mmCIF file of all heavy atoms, coordinates in Angstrom:
data_MODEL
# 
_entry.id   MODEL 
# 
loop_
_atom_site.group_PDB 
_atom_site.id 
_atom_site.type_symbol 
_atom_site.label_atom_id 
_atom_site.label_alt_id 
_atom_site.label_comp_id 
_atom_site.label_asym_id 
_atom_site.label_entity_id 
_atom_site.label_seq_id 
_atom_site.pdbx_PDB_ins_code 
_atom_site.Cartn_x 
_atom_site.Cartn_y 
_atom_site.Cartn_z 
_atom_site.occupancy 
_atom_site.B_iso_or_equiv 
_atom_site.pdbx_formal_charge 
_atom_site.auth_seq_id 
_atom_site.auth_comp_id 
_atom_site.auth_asym_id 
_atom_site.auth_atom_id 
_atom_site.pdbx_PDB_model_num 
ATOM 1   N N   . LYS A 1 1  ? 104.055 110.678 73.856  1.00 0.00 ? 1  LYS A N   1 
ATOM 2   C CA  . LYS A 1 1  ? 104.045 111.594 72.719  1.00 0.00 ? 1  LYS A CA  1 
ATOM 3   C C   . LYS A 1 1  ? 105.450 111.913 72.212  1.00 0.00 ? 1  LYS A C   1 
ATOM 4   O O   . LYS A 1 1  ? 105.715 111.891 71.012  1.00 0.00 ? 1  LYS A O   1 
ATOM 5   C CB  . LYS A 1 1  ? 103.314 112.869 73.113  1.00 0.00 ? 1  LYS A CB  1 
ATOM 6   C CG  . LYS A 1 1  ? 102.970 113.764 71.945  1.00 0.00 ? 1  LYS A CG  1 
ATOM 7   C CD  . LYS A 1 1  ? 102.264 115.038 72.401  1.00 0.00 ? 1  LYS A CD  1 
ATOM 8   C CE  . LYS A 1 1  ? 100.844 114.728 72.773  1.00 0.00 ? 1  LYS A CE  1 
ATOM 9   N NZ  . LYS A 1 1  ? 100.060 115.944 73.130  1.00 0.00 ? 1  LYS A NZ  1 
ATOM 10  N N   . GLU A 1 2  ? 106.374 112.206 73.154  1.00 0.00 ? 2  GLU A N   1 
ATOM 11  C CA  . GLU A 1 2  ? 107.711 112.646 72.764  1.00 0.00 ? 2  GLU A CA  1 
ATOM 12  C C   . GLU A 1 2  ? 108.663 111.493 72.373  1.00 0.00 ? 2  GLU A C   1 
ATOM 13  O O   . GLU A 1 2  ? 109.491 111.675 71.506  1.00 0.00 ? 2  GLU A O   1 
ATOM 14  C CB  . GLU A 1 2  ? 108.363 113.424 73.908  1.00 0.00 ? 2  GLU A CB  1 
ATOM 15  C CG  . GLU A 1 2  ? 107.694 114.731 74.258  1.00 0.00 ? 2  GLU A CG  1 
ATOM 16  C CD  . GLU A 1 2  ? 107.962 115.822 73.224  1.00 0.00 ? 2  GLU A CD  1 
ATOM 17  O OE1 . GLU A 1 2  ? 109.105 115.941 72.748  1.00 0.00 ? 2  GLU A OE1 1 
ATOM 18  O OE2 . GLU A 1 2  ? 106.996 116.545 72.891  1.00 0.00 ? 2  GLU A OE2 1 
ATOM 19  N N   . TYR A 1 3  ? 108.520 110.353 73.047  1.00 0.00 ? 3  TYR A N   1 
ATOM 20  C CA  . TYR A 1 3  ? 109.504 109.281 72.864  1.00 0.00 ? 3  TYR A CA  1 
ATOM 21  C C   . TYR A 1 3  ? 108.918 107.963 72.412  1.00 0.00 ? 3  TYR A C   1 
ATOM 22  O O   . TYR A 1 3  ? 109.653 107.035 72.094  1.00 0.00 ? 3  TYR A O   1 
ATOM 23  C CB  . TYR A 1 3  ? 110.283 109.069 74.173  1.00 0.00 ? 3  TYR A CB  1 
ATOM 24  C CG  . TYR A 1 3  ? 110.999 110.321 74.639  1.00 0.00 ? 3  TYR A CG  1 
ATOM 25  C CD1 . TYR A 1 3  ? 110.436 111.100 75.645  1.00 0.00 ? 3  TYR A CD1 1 
ATOM 26  C CD2 . TYR A 1 3  ? 112.174 110.728 74.052  1.00 0.00 ? 3  TYR A CD2 1 
ATOM 27  C CE1 . TYR A 1 3  ? 111.064 112.261 76.070  1.00 0.00 ? 3  TYR A CE1 1 
ATOM 28  C CE2 . TYR A 1 3  ? 112.807 111.886 74.449  1.00 0.00 ? 3  TYR A CE2 1 
ATOM 29  C CZ  . TYR A 1 3  ? 112.251 112.655 75.466  1.00 0.00 ? 3  TYR A CZ  1 
ATOM 30  O OH  . TYR A 1 3  ? 112.871 113.797 75.872  1.00 0.00 ? 3  TYR A OH  1 
ATOM 31  N N   . GLY A 1 4  ? 107.596 107.840 72.429  1.00 0.00 ? 4  GLY A N   1 
ATOM 32  C CA  . GLY A 1 4  ? 106.971 106.593 72.021  1.00 0.00 ? 4  GLY A CA  1 
ATOM 33  C C   . GLY A 1 4  ? 107.166 105.437 72.987  1.00 0.00 ? 4  GLY A C   1 
ATOM 34  O O   . GLY A 1 4  ? 107.053 104.263 72.615  1.00 0.00 ? 4  GLY A O   1 
ATOM 35  N N   . TYR A 1 5  ? 107.485 105.761 74.258  1.00 0.00 ? 5  TYR A N   1 
ATOM 36  C CA  . TYR A 1 5  ? 107.678 104.731 75.270  1.00 0.00 ? 5  TYR A CA  1 
ATOM 37  C C   . TYR A 1 5  ? 106.394 104.024 75.621  1.00 0.00 ? 5  TYR A C   1 
ATOM 38  O O   . TYR A 1 5  ? 105.283 104.554 75.424  1.00 0.00 ? 5  TYR A O   1 
ATOM 39  C CB  . TYR A 1 5  ? 108.257 105.335 76.548  1.00 0.00 ? 5  TYR A CB  1 
ATOM 40  C CG  . TYR A 1 5  ? 109.646 105.917 76.434  1.00 0.00 ? 5  TYR A CG  1 
ATOM 41  C CD1 . TYR A 1 5  ? 110.064 106.870 77.360  1.00 0.00 ? 5  TYR A CD1 1 
ATOM 42  C CD2 . TYR A 1 5  ? 110.531 105.554 75.439  1.00 0.00 ? 5  TYR A CD2 1 
ATOM 43  C CE1 . TYR A 1 5  ? 111.320 107.427 77.299  1.00 0.00 ? 5  TYR A CE1 1 
ATOM 44  C CE2 . TYR A 1 5  ? 111.811 106.105 75.366  1.00 0.00 ? 5  TYR A CE2 1 
ATOM 45  C CZ  . TYR A 1 5  ? 112.203 107.038 76.303  1.00 0.00 ? 5  TYR A CZ  1 
ATOM 46  O OH  . TYR A 1 5  ? 113.449 107.592 76.243  1.00 0.00 ? 5  TYR A OH  1 
ATOM 47  N N   . ASN A 1 6  ? 106.498 102.836 76.188  1.00 0.00 ? 6  ASN A N   1 
ATOM 48  C CA  . ASN A 1 6  ? 105.395 102.107 76.782  1.00 0.00 ? 6  ASN A CA  1 
ATOM 49  C C   . ASN A 1 6  ? 105.337 102.558 78.241  1.00 0.00 ? 6  ASN A C   1 
ATOM 50  O O   . ASN A 1 6  ? 106.211 102.227 79.004  1.00 0.00 ? 6  ASN A O   1 
ATOM 51  C CB  . ASN A 1 6  ? 105.673 100.603 76.670  1.00 0.00 ? 6  ASN A CB  1 
ATOM 52  C CG  . ASN A 1 6  ? 104.531 99.732  77.180  1.00 0.00 ? 6  ASN A CG  1 
ATOM 53  O OD1 . ASN A 1 6  ? 103.571 100.210 77.735  1.00 0.00 ? 6  ASN A OD1 1 
ATOM 54  N ND2 . ASN A 1 6  ? 104.703 98.423  77.000  1.00 0.00 ? 6  ASN A ND2 1 
ATOM 55  N N   . VAL A 1 7  ? 104.320 103.328 78.609  1.00 0.00 ? 7  VAL A N   1 
ATOM 56  C CA  . VAL A 1 7  ? 104.317 104.006 79.907  1.00 0.00 ? 7  VAL A CA  1 
ATOM 57  C C   . VAL A 1 7  ? 103.048 103.689 80.701  1.00 0.00 ? 7  VAL A C   1 
ATOM 58  O O   . VAL A 1 7  ? 101.962 103.640 80.126  1.00 0.00 ? 7  VAL A O   1 
ATOM 59  C CB  . VAL A 1 7  ? 104.441 105.538 79.720  1.00 0.00 ? 7  VAL A CB  1 
ATOM 60  C CG1 . VAL A 1 7  ? 104.654 106.220 81.072  1.00 0.00 ? 7  VAL A CG1 1 
ATOM 61  C CG2 . VAL A 1 7  ? 105.551 105.889 78.763  1.00 0.00 ? 7  VAL A CG2 1 
ATOM 62  N N   . ARG A 1 8  ? 103.235 103.499 81.983  1.00 0.00 ? 8  ARG A N   1 
ATOM 63  C CA  . ARG A 1 8  ? 102.128 103.333 82.924  1.00 0.00 ? 8  ARG A CA  1 
ATOM 64  C C   . ARG A 1 8  ? 102.355 104.373 84.038  1.00 0.00 ? 8  ARG A C   1 
ATOM 65  O O   . ARG A 1 8  ? 103.473 104.827 84.240  1.00 0.00 ? 8  ARG A O   1 
ATOM 66  C CB  . ARG A 1 8  ? 102.115 101.952 83.571  1.00 0.00 ? 8  ARG A CB  1 
ATOM 67  C CG  . ARG A 1 8  ? 102.045 100.794 82.598  1.00 0.00 ? 8  ARG A CG  1 
ATOM 68  C CD  . ARG A 1 8  ? 100.669 100.679 81.954  1.00 0.00 ? 8  ARG A CD  1 
ATOM 69  N NE  . ARG A 1 8  ? 100.628 99.644  80.940  1.00 0.00 ? 8  ARG A NE  1 
ATOM 70  C CZ  . ARG A 1 8  ? 100.861 99.827  79.675  1.00 0.00 ? 8  ARG A CZ  1 
ATOM 71  N NH1 . ARG A 1 8  ? 101.197 101.005 79.218  1.00 0.00 ? 8  ARG A NH1 1 
ATOM 72  N NH2 . ARG A 1 8  ? 100.807 98.830  78.814  1.00 0.00 ? 8  ARG A NH2 1 
ATOM 73  N N   . ASN A 1 9  ? 101.301 104.721 84.732  1.00 0.00 ? 9  ASN A N   1 
ATOM 74  C CA  . ASN A 1 9  ? 101.459 105.597 85.880  1.00 0.00 ? 9  ASN A CA  1 
ATOM 75  C C   . ASN A 1 9  ? 100.689 105.024 87.063  1.00 0.00 ? 9  ASN A C   1 
ATOM 76  O O   . ASN A 1 9  ? 99.759  104.233 86.895  1.00 0.00 ? 9  ASN A O   1 
ATOM 77  C CB  . ASN A 1 9  ? 101.036 107.021 85.570  1.00 0.00 ? 9  ASN A CB  1 
ATOM 78  C CG  . ASN A 1 9  ? 99.542  107.201 85.471  1.00 0.00 ? 9  ASN A CG  1 
ATOM 79  O OD1 . ASN A 1 9  ? 98.914  106.544 84.643  1.00 0.00 ? 9  ASN A OD1 1 
ATOM 80  N ND2 . ASN A 1 9  ? 99.001  108.065 86.284  1.00 0.00 ? 9  ASN A ND2 1 
ATOM 81  N N   . CYS A 1 10 ? 101.110 105.436 88.244  1.00 0.00 ? 10 CYS A N   1 
ATOM 82  C CA  . CYS A 1 10 ? 100.483 104.937 89.482  1.00 0.00 ? 10 CYS A CA  1 
ATOM 83  C C   . CYS A 1 10 ? 100.731 105.916 90.605  1.00 0.00 ? 10 CYS A C   1 
ATOM 84  O O   . CYS A 1 10 ? 101.448 106.898 90.440  1.00 0.00 ? 10 CYS A O   1 
ATOM 85  C CB  . CYS A 1 10 ? 101.027 103.541 89.819  1.00 0.00 ? 10 CYS A CB  1 
ATOM 86  S SG  . CYS A 1 10 ? 102.781 103.520 90.228  1.00 0.00 ? 10 CYS A SG  1 
ATOM 87  N N   . GLY A 1 11 ? 100.165 105.597 91.770  1.00 0.00 ? 11 GLY A N   1 
ATOM 88  C CA  . GLY A 1 11 ? 100.349 106.461 92.938  1.00 0.00 ? 11 GLY A CA  1 
ATOM 89  C C   . GLY A 1 11 ? 100.900 105.726 94.139  1.00 0.00 ? 11 GLY A C   1 
ATOM 90  O O   . GLY A 1 11 ? 100.682 104.508 94.269  1.00 0.00 ? 11 GLY A O   1 
ATOM 91  N N   . THR A 1 12 ? 101.547 106.449 94.990  1.00 0.00 ? 12 THR A N   1 
ATOM 92  C CA  . THR A 1 12 ? 102.145 105.838 96.212  1.00 0.00 ? 12 THR A CA  1 
ATOM 93  C C   . THR A 1 12 ? 101.193 105.834 97.382  1.00 0.00 ? 12 THR A C   1 
ATOM 94  O O   . THR A 1 12 ? 101.397 105.078 98.330  1.00 0.00 ? 12 THR A O   1 
ATOM 95  C CB  . THR A 1 12 ? 103.427 106.597 96.635  1.00 0.00 ? 12 THR A CB  1 
ATOM 96  O OG1 . THR A 1 12 ? 103.098 107.967 96.858  1.00 0.00 ? 12 THR A OG1 1 
ATOM 97  C CG2 . THR A 1 12 ? 104.516 106.462 95.587  1.00 0.00 ? 12 THR A CG2 1 
ATOM 98  N N   . GLU A 1 13 ? 100.158 106.677 97.343  1.00 0.00 ? 13 GLU A N   1 
ATOM 99  C CA  . GLU A 1 13 ? 99.225  106.753 98.482  1.00 0.00 ? 13 GLU A CA  1 
ATOM 100 C C   . GLU A 1 13 ? 98.134  105.718 98.331  1.00 0.00 ? 13 GLU A C   1 
ATOM 101 O O   . GLU A 1 13 ? 97.158  105.918 97.620  1.00 0.00 ? 13 GLU A O   1 
ATOM 102 C CB  . GLU A 1 13 ? 98.633  108.166 98.587  1.00 0.00 ? 13 GLU A CB  1 
ATOM 103 C CG  . GLU A 1 13 ? 99.655  109.234 98.913  1.00 0.00 ? 13 GLU A CG  1 
ATOM 104 C CD  . GLU A 1 13 ? 100.407 108.997 100.205 1.00 0.00 ? 13 GLU A CD  1 
ATOM 105 O OE1 . GLU A 1 13 ? 99.791  108.461 101.159 1.00 0.00 ? 13 GLU A OE1 1 
ATOM 106 O OE2 . GLU A 1 13 ? 101.601 109.332 100.277 1.00 0.00 ? 13 GLU A OE2 1 
ATOM 107 N N   . LEU A 1 14 ? 98.343  104.573 98.980  1.00 0.00 ? 14 LEU A N   1 
ATOM 108 C CA  . LEU A 1 14 ? 97.461  103.428 98.798  1.00 0.00 ? 14 LEU A CA  1 
ATOM 109 C C   . LEU A 1 14 ? 96.012  103.728 99.156  1.00 0.00 ? 14 LEU A C   1 
ATOM 110 O O   . LEU A 1 14 ? 95.090  103.114 98.616  1.00 0.00 ? 14 LEU A O   1 
ATOM 111 C CB  . LEU A 1 14 ? 97.967  102.250 99.610  1.00 0.00 ? 14 LEU A CB  1 
ATOM 112 C CG  . LEU A 1 14 ? 99.385  101.787 99.274  1.00 0.00 ? 14 LEU A CG  1 
ATOM 113 C CD1 . LEU A 1 14 ? 99.769  100.580 100.113 1.00 0.00 ? 14 LEU A CD1 1 
ATOM 114 C CD2 . LEU A 1 14 ? 99.555  101.502 97.802  1.00 0.00 ? 14 LEU A CD2 1 
ATOM 115 N N   . SER A 1 15 ? 95.782  104.708 100.042 1.00 0.00 ? 15 SER A N   1 
ATOM 116 C CA  . SER A 1 15 ? 94.413  105.000 100.477 1.00 0.00 ? 15 SER A CA  1 
ATOM 117 C C   . SER A 1 15 ? 93.609  105.754 99.393  1.00 0.00 ? 15 SER A C   1 
ATOM 118 O O   . SER A 1 15 ? 92.376  105.724 99.414  1.00 0.00 ? 15 SER A O   1 
ATOM 119 C CB  . SER A 1 15 ? 94.418  105.804 101.767 1.00 0.00 ? 15 SER A CB  1 
ATOM 120 O OG  . SER A 1 15 ? 95.072  107.047 101.560 1.00 0.00 ? 15 SER A OG  1 
ATOM 121 N N   . TYR A 1 16 ? 94.268  106.443 98.448  1.00 0.00 ? 16 TYR A N   1 
ATOM 122 C CA  . TYR A 1 16 ? 93.528  107.160 97.443  1.00 0.00 ? 16 TYR A CA  1 
ATOM 123 C C   . TYR A 1 16 ? 94.081  107.094 96.027  1.00 0.00 ? 16 TYR A C   1 
ATOM 124 O O   . TYR A 1 16 ? 93.501  107.709 95.104  1.00 0.00 ? 16 TYR A O   1 
ATOM 125 C CB  . TYR A 1 16 ? 93.278  108.611 97.862  1.00 0.00 ? 16 TYR A CB  1 
ATOM 126 C CG  . TYR A 1 16 ? 94.513  109.448 98.065  1.00 0.00 ? 16 TYR A CG  1 
ATOM 127 C CD1 . TYR A 1 16 ? 95.158  110.063 97.014  1.00 0.00 ? 16 TYR A CD1 1 
ATOM 128 C CD2 . TYR A 1 16 ? 95.003  109.676 99.345  1.00 0.00 ? 16 TYR A CD2 1 
ATOM 129 C CE1 . TYR A 1 16 ? 96.283  110.855 97.201  1.00 0.00 ? 16 TYR A CE1 1 
ATOM 130 C CE2 . TYR A 1 16 ? 96.123  110.458 99.560  1.00 0.00 ? 16 TYR A CE2 1 
ATOM 131 C CZ  . TYR A 1 16 ? 96.744  111.065 98.486  1.00 0.00 ? 16 TYR A CZ  1 
ATOM 132 O OH  . TYR A 1 16 ? 97.841  111.836 98.679  1.00 0.00 ? 16 TYR A OH  1 
ATOM 133 N N   . ALA A 1 17 ? 95.137  106.376 95.805  1.00 0.00 ? 17 ALA A N   1 
ATOM 134 C CA  . ALA A 1 17 ? 95.677  106.275 94.442  1.00 0.00 ? 17 ALA A CA  1 
ATOM 135 C C   . ALA A 1 17 ? 94.715  105.511 93.535  1.00 0.00 ? 17 ALA A C   1 
ATOM 136 O O   . ALA A 1 17 ? 94.164  104.480 93.945  1.00 0.00 ? 17 ALA A O   1 
ATOM 137 C CB  . ALA A 1 17 ? 97.028  105.560 94.449  1.00 0.00 ? 17 ALA A CB  1 
ATOM 138 N N   . LEU A 1 18 ? 94.484  106.030 92.358  1.00 0.00 ? 18 LEU A N   1 
ATOM 139 C CA  . LEU A 1 18 ? 93.617  105.358 91.397  1.00 0.00 ? 18 LEU A CA  1 
ATOM 140 C C   . LEU A 1 18 ? 94.176  103.970 91.062  1.00 0.00 ? 18 LEU A C   1 
ATOM 141 O O   . LEU A 1 18 ? 93.475  102.969 91.083  1.00 0.00 ? 18 LEU A O   1 
ATOM 142 C CB  . LEU A 1 18 ? 93.476  106.202 90.135  1.00 0.00 ? 18 LEU A CB  1 
ATOM 143 C CG  . LEU A 1 18 ? 92.501  105.672 89.094  1.00 0.00 ? 18 LEU A CG  1 
ATOM 144 C CD1 . LEU A 1 18 ? 91.093  105.587 89.664  1.00 0.00 ? 18 LEU A CD1 1 
ATOM 145 C CD2 . LEU A 1 18 ? 92.525  106.569 87.869  1.00 0.00 ? 18 LEU A CD2 1 
ATOM 146 N N   . ILE A 1 19 ? 95.482  103.944 90.737  1.00 0.00 ? 19 ILE A N   1 
ATOM 147 C CA  . ILE A 1 19 ? 96.209  102.698 90.529  1.00 0.00 ? 19 ILE A CA  1 
ATOM 148 C C   . ILE A 1 19 ? 97.388  102.706 91.492  1.00 0.00 ? 19 ILE A C   1 
ATOM 149 O O   . ILE A 1 19 ? 98.367  103.446 91.251  1.00 0.00 ? 19 ILE A O   1 
ATOM 150 C CB  . ILE A 1 19 ? 96.702  102.539 89.084  1.00 0.00 ? 19 ILE A CB  1 
ATOM 151 C CG1 . ILE A 1 19 ? 95.507  102.547 88.121  1.00 0.00 ? 19 ILE A CG1 1 
ATOM 152 C CG2 . ILE A 1 19 ? 97.535  101.271 88.916  1.00 0.00 ? 19 ILE A CG2 1 
ATOM 153 C CD1 . ILE A 1 19 ? 95.890  102.658 86.664  1.00 0.00 ? 19 ILE A CD1 1 
ATOM 154 N N   . PRO A 1 20 ? 97.315  101.959 92.586  1.00 0.00 ? 20 PRO A N   1 
ATOM 155 C CA  . PRO A 1 20 ? 98.419  101.971 93.548  1.00 0.00 ? 20 PRO A CA  1 
ATOM 156 C C   . PRO A 1 20 ? 99.679  101.311 92.991  1.00 0.00 ? 20 PRO A C   1 
ATOM 157 O O   . PRO A 1 20 ? 99.582  100.353 92.211  1.00 0.00 ? 20 PRO A O   1 
ATOM 158 C CB  . PRO A 1 20 ? 97.867  101.166 94.739  1.00 0.00 ? 20 PRO A CB  1 
ATOM 159 C CG  . PRO A 1 20 ? 96.395  101.072 94.515  1.00 0.00 ? 20 PRO A CG  1 
ATOM 160 C CD  . PRO A 1 20 ? 96.190  101.158 93.047  1.00 0.00 ? 20 PRO A CD  1 
ATOM 161 N N   . ILE A 1 21 ? 100.820 101.801 93.403  1.00 0.00 ? 21 ILE A N   1 
ATOM 162 C CA  . ILE A 1 21 ? 102.076 101.166 92.999  1.00 0.00 ? 21 ILE A CA  1 
ATOM 163 C C   . ILE A 1 21 ? 102.064 99.735  93.522  1.00 0.00 ? 21 ILE A C   1 
ATOM 164 O O   . ILE A 1 21 ? 101.525 99.445  94.576  1.00 0.00 ? 21 ILE A O   1 
ATOM 165 C CB  . ILE A 1 21 ? 103.294 101.972 93.538  1.00 0.00 ? 21 ILE A CB  1 
ATOM 166 C CG1 . ILE A 1 21 ? 104.565 101.493 92.835  1.00 0.00 ? 21 ILE A CG1 1 
ATOM 167 C CG2 . ILE A 1 21 ? 103.375 101.928 95.054  1.00 0.00 ? 21 ILE A CG2 1 
ATOM 168 C CD1 . ILE A 1 21 ? 105.747 102.444 93.037  1.00 0.00 ? 21 ILE A CD1 1 
ATOM 169 N N   . SER A 1 22 ? 102.606 98.831  92.705  1.00 0.00 ? 22 SER A N   1 
ATOM 170 C CA  . SER A 1 22 ? 102.580 97.415  93.080  1.00 0.00 ? 22 SER A CA  1 
ATOM 171 C C   . SER A 1 22 ? 103.887 96.725  92.664  1.00 0.00 ? 22 SER A C   1 
ATOM 172 O O   . SER A 1 22 ? 104.665 97.246  91.879  1.00 0.00 ? 22 SER A O   1 
ATOM 173 C CB  . SER A 1 22 ? 101.406 96.717  92.357  1.00 0.00 ? 22 SER A CB  1 
ATOM 174 O OG  . SER A 1 22 ? 101.673 96.654  90.964  1.00 0.00 ? 22 SER A OG  1 
ATOM 175 N N   . GLU A 1 23 ? 104.086 95.562  93.228  1.00 0.00 ? 23 GLU A N   1 
ATOM 176 C CA  . GLU A 1 23 ? 105.254 94.756  92.877  1.00 0.00 ? 23 GLU A CA  1 
ATOM 177 C C   . GLU A 1 23 ? 105.293 94.479  91.380  1.00 0.00 ? 23 GLU A C   1 
ATOM 178 O O   . GLU A 1 23 ? 106.338 94.565  90.747  1.00 0.00 ? 23 GLU A O   1 
ATOM 179 C CB  . GLU A 1 23 ? 105.231 93.439  93.668  1.00 0.00 ? 23 GLU A CB  1 
ATOM 180 C CG  . GLU A 1 23 ? 106.418 92.557  93.396  1.00 0.00 ? 23 GLU A CG  1 
ATOM 181 C CD  . GLU A 1 23 ? 106.361 91.233  94.151  1.00 0.00 ? 23 GLU A CD  1 
ATOM 182 O OE1 . GLU A 1 23 ? 105.358 90.960  94.829  1.00 0.00 ? 23 GLU A OE1 1 
ATOM 183 O OE2 . GLU A 1 23 ? 107.354 90.497  94.062  1.00 0.00 ? 23 GLU A OE2 1 
ATOM 184 N N   . ALA A 1 24 ? 104.149 94.168  90.798  1.00 0.00 ? 24 ALA A N   1 
ATOM 185 C CA  . ALA A 1 24 ? 104.098 93.855  89.354  1.00 0.00 ? 24 ALA A CA  1 
ATOM 186 C C   . ALA A 1 24 ? 104.516 95.075  88.531  1.00 0.00 ? 24 ALA A C   1 
ATOM 187 O O   . ALA A 1 24 ? 105.316 94.944  87.600  1.00 0.00 ? 24 ALA A O   1 
ATOM 188 C CB  . ALA A 1 24 ? 102.693 93.380  88.962  1.00 0.00 ? 24 ALA A CB  1 
ATOM 189 N N   . LEU A 1 25 ? 103.990 96.270  88.864  1.00 0.00 ? 25 LEU A N   1 
ATOM 190 C CA  . LEU A 1 25 ? 104.354 97.462  88.110  1.00 0.00 ? 25 LEU A CA  1 
ATOM 191 C C   . LEU A 1 25 ? 105.845 97.763  88.245  1.00 0.00 ? 25 LEU A C   1 
ATOM 192 O O   . LEU A 1 25 ? 106.511 98.140  87.273  1.00 0.00 ? 25 LEU A O   1 
ATOM 193 C CB  . LEU A 1 25 ? 103.521 98.670  88.576  1.00 0.00 ? 25 LEU A CB  1 
ATOM 194 C CG  . LEU A 1 25 ? 102.072 98.689  88.139  1.00 0.00 ? 25 LEU A CG  1 
ATOM 195 C CD1 . LEU A 1 25 ? 101.318 99.801  88.851  1.00 0.00 ? 25 LEU A CD1 1 
ATOM 196 C CD2 . LEU A 1 25 ? 101.973 98.865  86.622  1.00 0.00 ? 25 LEU A CD2 1 
ATOM 197 N N   . ILE A 1 26 ? 106.370 97.603  89.449  1.00 0.00 ? 26 ILE A N   1 
ATOM 198 C CA  . ILE A 1 26 ? 107.788 97.864  89.691  1.00 0.00 ? 26 ILE A CA  1 
ATOM 199 C C   . ILE A 1 26 ? 108.649 96.948  88.857  1.00 0.00 ? 26 ILE A C   1 
ATOM 200 O O   . ILE A 1 26 ? 109.627 97.350  88.240  1.00 0.00 ? 26 ILE A O   1 
ATOM 201 C CB  . ILE A 1 26 ? 108.094 97.749  91.201  1.00 0.00 ? 26 ILE A CB  1 
ATOM 202 C CG1 . ILE A 1 26 ? 107.449 98.925  91.956  1.00 0.00 ? 26 ILE A CG1 1 
ATOM 203 C CG2 . ILE A 1 26 ? 109.606 97.692  91.446  1.00 0.00 ? 26 ILE A CG2 1 
ATOM 204 C CD1 . ILE A 1 26 ? 107.449 98.751  93.455  1.00 0.00 ? 26 ILE A CD1 1 
ATOM 205 N N   . HIS A 1 27 ? 108.318 95.658  88.821  1.00 0.00 ? 27 HIS A N   1 
ATOM 206 C CA  . HIS A 1 27 ? 109.104 94.703  88.055  1.00 0.00 ? 27 HIS A CA  1 
ATOM 207 C C   . HIS A 1 27 ? 108.859 94.811  86.557  1.00 0.00 ? 27 HIS A C   1 
ATOM 208 O O   . HIS A 1 27 ? 109.712 94.402  85.763  1.00 0.00 ? 27 HIS A O   1 
ATOM 209 C CB  . HIS A 1 27 ? 108.851 93.278  88.573  1.00 0.00 ? 27 HIS A CB  1 
ATOM 210 C CG  . HIS A 1 27 ? 109.528 93.039  89.870  1.00 0.00 ? 27 HIS A CG  1 
ATOM 211 N ND1 . HIS A 1 27 ? 110.883 92.772  89.987  1.00 0.00 ? 27 HIS A ND1 1 
ATOM 212 C CD2 . HIS A 1 27 ? 109.060 93.045  91.136  1.00 0.00 ? 27 HIS A CD2 1 
ATOM 213 C CE1 . HIS A 1 27 ? 111.215 92.621  91.255  1.00 0.00 ? 27 HIS A CE1 1 
ATOM 214 N NE2 . HIS A 1 27 ? 110.109 92.787  91.975  1.00 0.00 ? 27 HIS A NE2 1 
ATOM 215 N N   . TRP A 1 28 ? 107.711 95.325  86.160  1.00 0.00 ? 28 TRP A N   1 
ATOM 216 C CA  . TRP A 1 28 ? 107.397 95.523  84.744  1.00 0.00 ? 28 TRP A CA  1 
ATOM 217 C C   . TRP A 1 28 ? 108.319 96.578  84.114  1.00 0.00 ? 28 TRP A C   1 
ATOM 218 O O   . TRP A 1 28 ? 108.763 96.449  82.974  1.00 0.00 ? 28 TRP A O   1 
ATOM 219 C CB  . TRP A 1 28 ? 105.928 95.940  84.607  1.00 0.00 ? 28 TRP A CB  1 
ATOM 220 C CG  . TRP A 1 28 ? 105.554 96.446  83.263  1.00 0.00 ? 28 TRP A CG  1 
ATOM 221 C CD1 . TRP A 1 28 ? 105.194 95.699  82.157  1.00 0.00 ? 28 TRP A CD1 1 
ATOM 222 C CD2 . TRP A 1 28 ? 105.510 97.818  82.838  1.00 0.00 ? 28 TRP A CD2 1 
ATOM 223 N NE1 . TRP A 1 28 ? 104.930 96.521  81.107  1.00 0.00 ? 28 TRP A NE1 1 
ATOM 224 C CE2 . TRP A 1 28 ? 105.113 97.824  81.483  1.00 0.00 ? 28 TRP A CE2 1 
ATOM 225 C CE3 . TRP A 1 28 ? 105.750 99.026  83.482  1.00 0.00 ? 28 TRP A CE3 1 
ATOM 226 C CZ2 . TRP A 1 28 ? 104.963 99.001  80.758  1.00 0.00 ? 28 TRP A CZ2 1 
ATOM 227 C CZ3 . TRP A 1 28 ? 105.608 100.198 82.769  1.00 0.00 ? 28 TRP A CZ3 1 
ATOM 228 C CH2 . TRP A 1 28 ? 105.215 100.183 81.434  1.00 0.00 ? 28 TRP A CH2 1 
ATOM 229 N N   . ALA A 1 29 ? 108.625 97.615  84.886  1.00 0.00 ? 29 ALA A N   1 
ATOM 230 C CA  . ALA A 1 29 ? 109.298 98.803  84.338  1.00 0.00 ? 29 ALA A CA  1 
ATOM 231 C C   . ALA A 1 29 ? 110.788 98.598  84.093  1.00 0.00 ? 29 ALA A C   1 
ATOM 232 O O   . ALA A 1 29 ? 111.479 98.004  84.911  1.00 0.00 ? 29 ALA A O   1 
ATOM 233 C CB  . ALA A 1 29 ? 109.090 99.975  85.299  1.00 0.00 ? 29 ALA A CB  1 
ATOM 234 N N   . ASP A 1 30 ? 111.253 99.184  82.980  1.00 0.00 ? 30 ASP A N   1 
ATOM 235 C CA  . ASP A 1 30 ? 112.693 99.298  82.727  1.00 0.00 ? 30 ASP A CA  1 
ATOM 236 C C   . ASP A 1 30 ? 113.230 100.504 83.479  1.00 0.00 ? 30 ASP A C   1 
ATOM 237 O O   . ASP A 1 30 ? 114.418 100.561 83.797  1.00 0.00 ? 30 ASP A O   1 
ATOM 238 C CB  . ASP A 1 30 ? 112.966 99.497  81.225  1.00 0.00 ? 30 ASP A CB  1 
ATOM 239 C CG  . ASP A 1 30 ? 112.513 98.311  80.371  1.00 0.00 ? 30 ASP A CG  1 
ATOM 240 O OD1 . ASP A 1 30 ? 112.698 97.159  80.796  1.00 0.00 ? 30 ASP A OD1 1 
ATOM 241 O OD2 . ASP A 1 30 ? 111.958 98.557  79.287  1.00 0.00 ? 30 ASP A OD2 1 
# 
């Protein structure tokens, strides 16, 4: 809303994160 960025979100707790952090997400991000 504020900056118009391309943004994704994820979680670090692999046992319950809706979208767990991954190698692809890490390399995708600036």
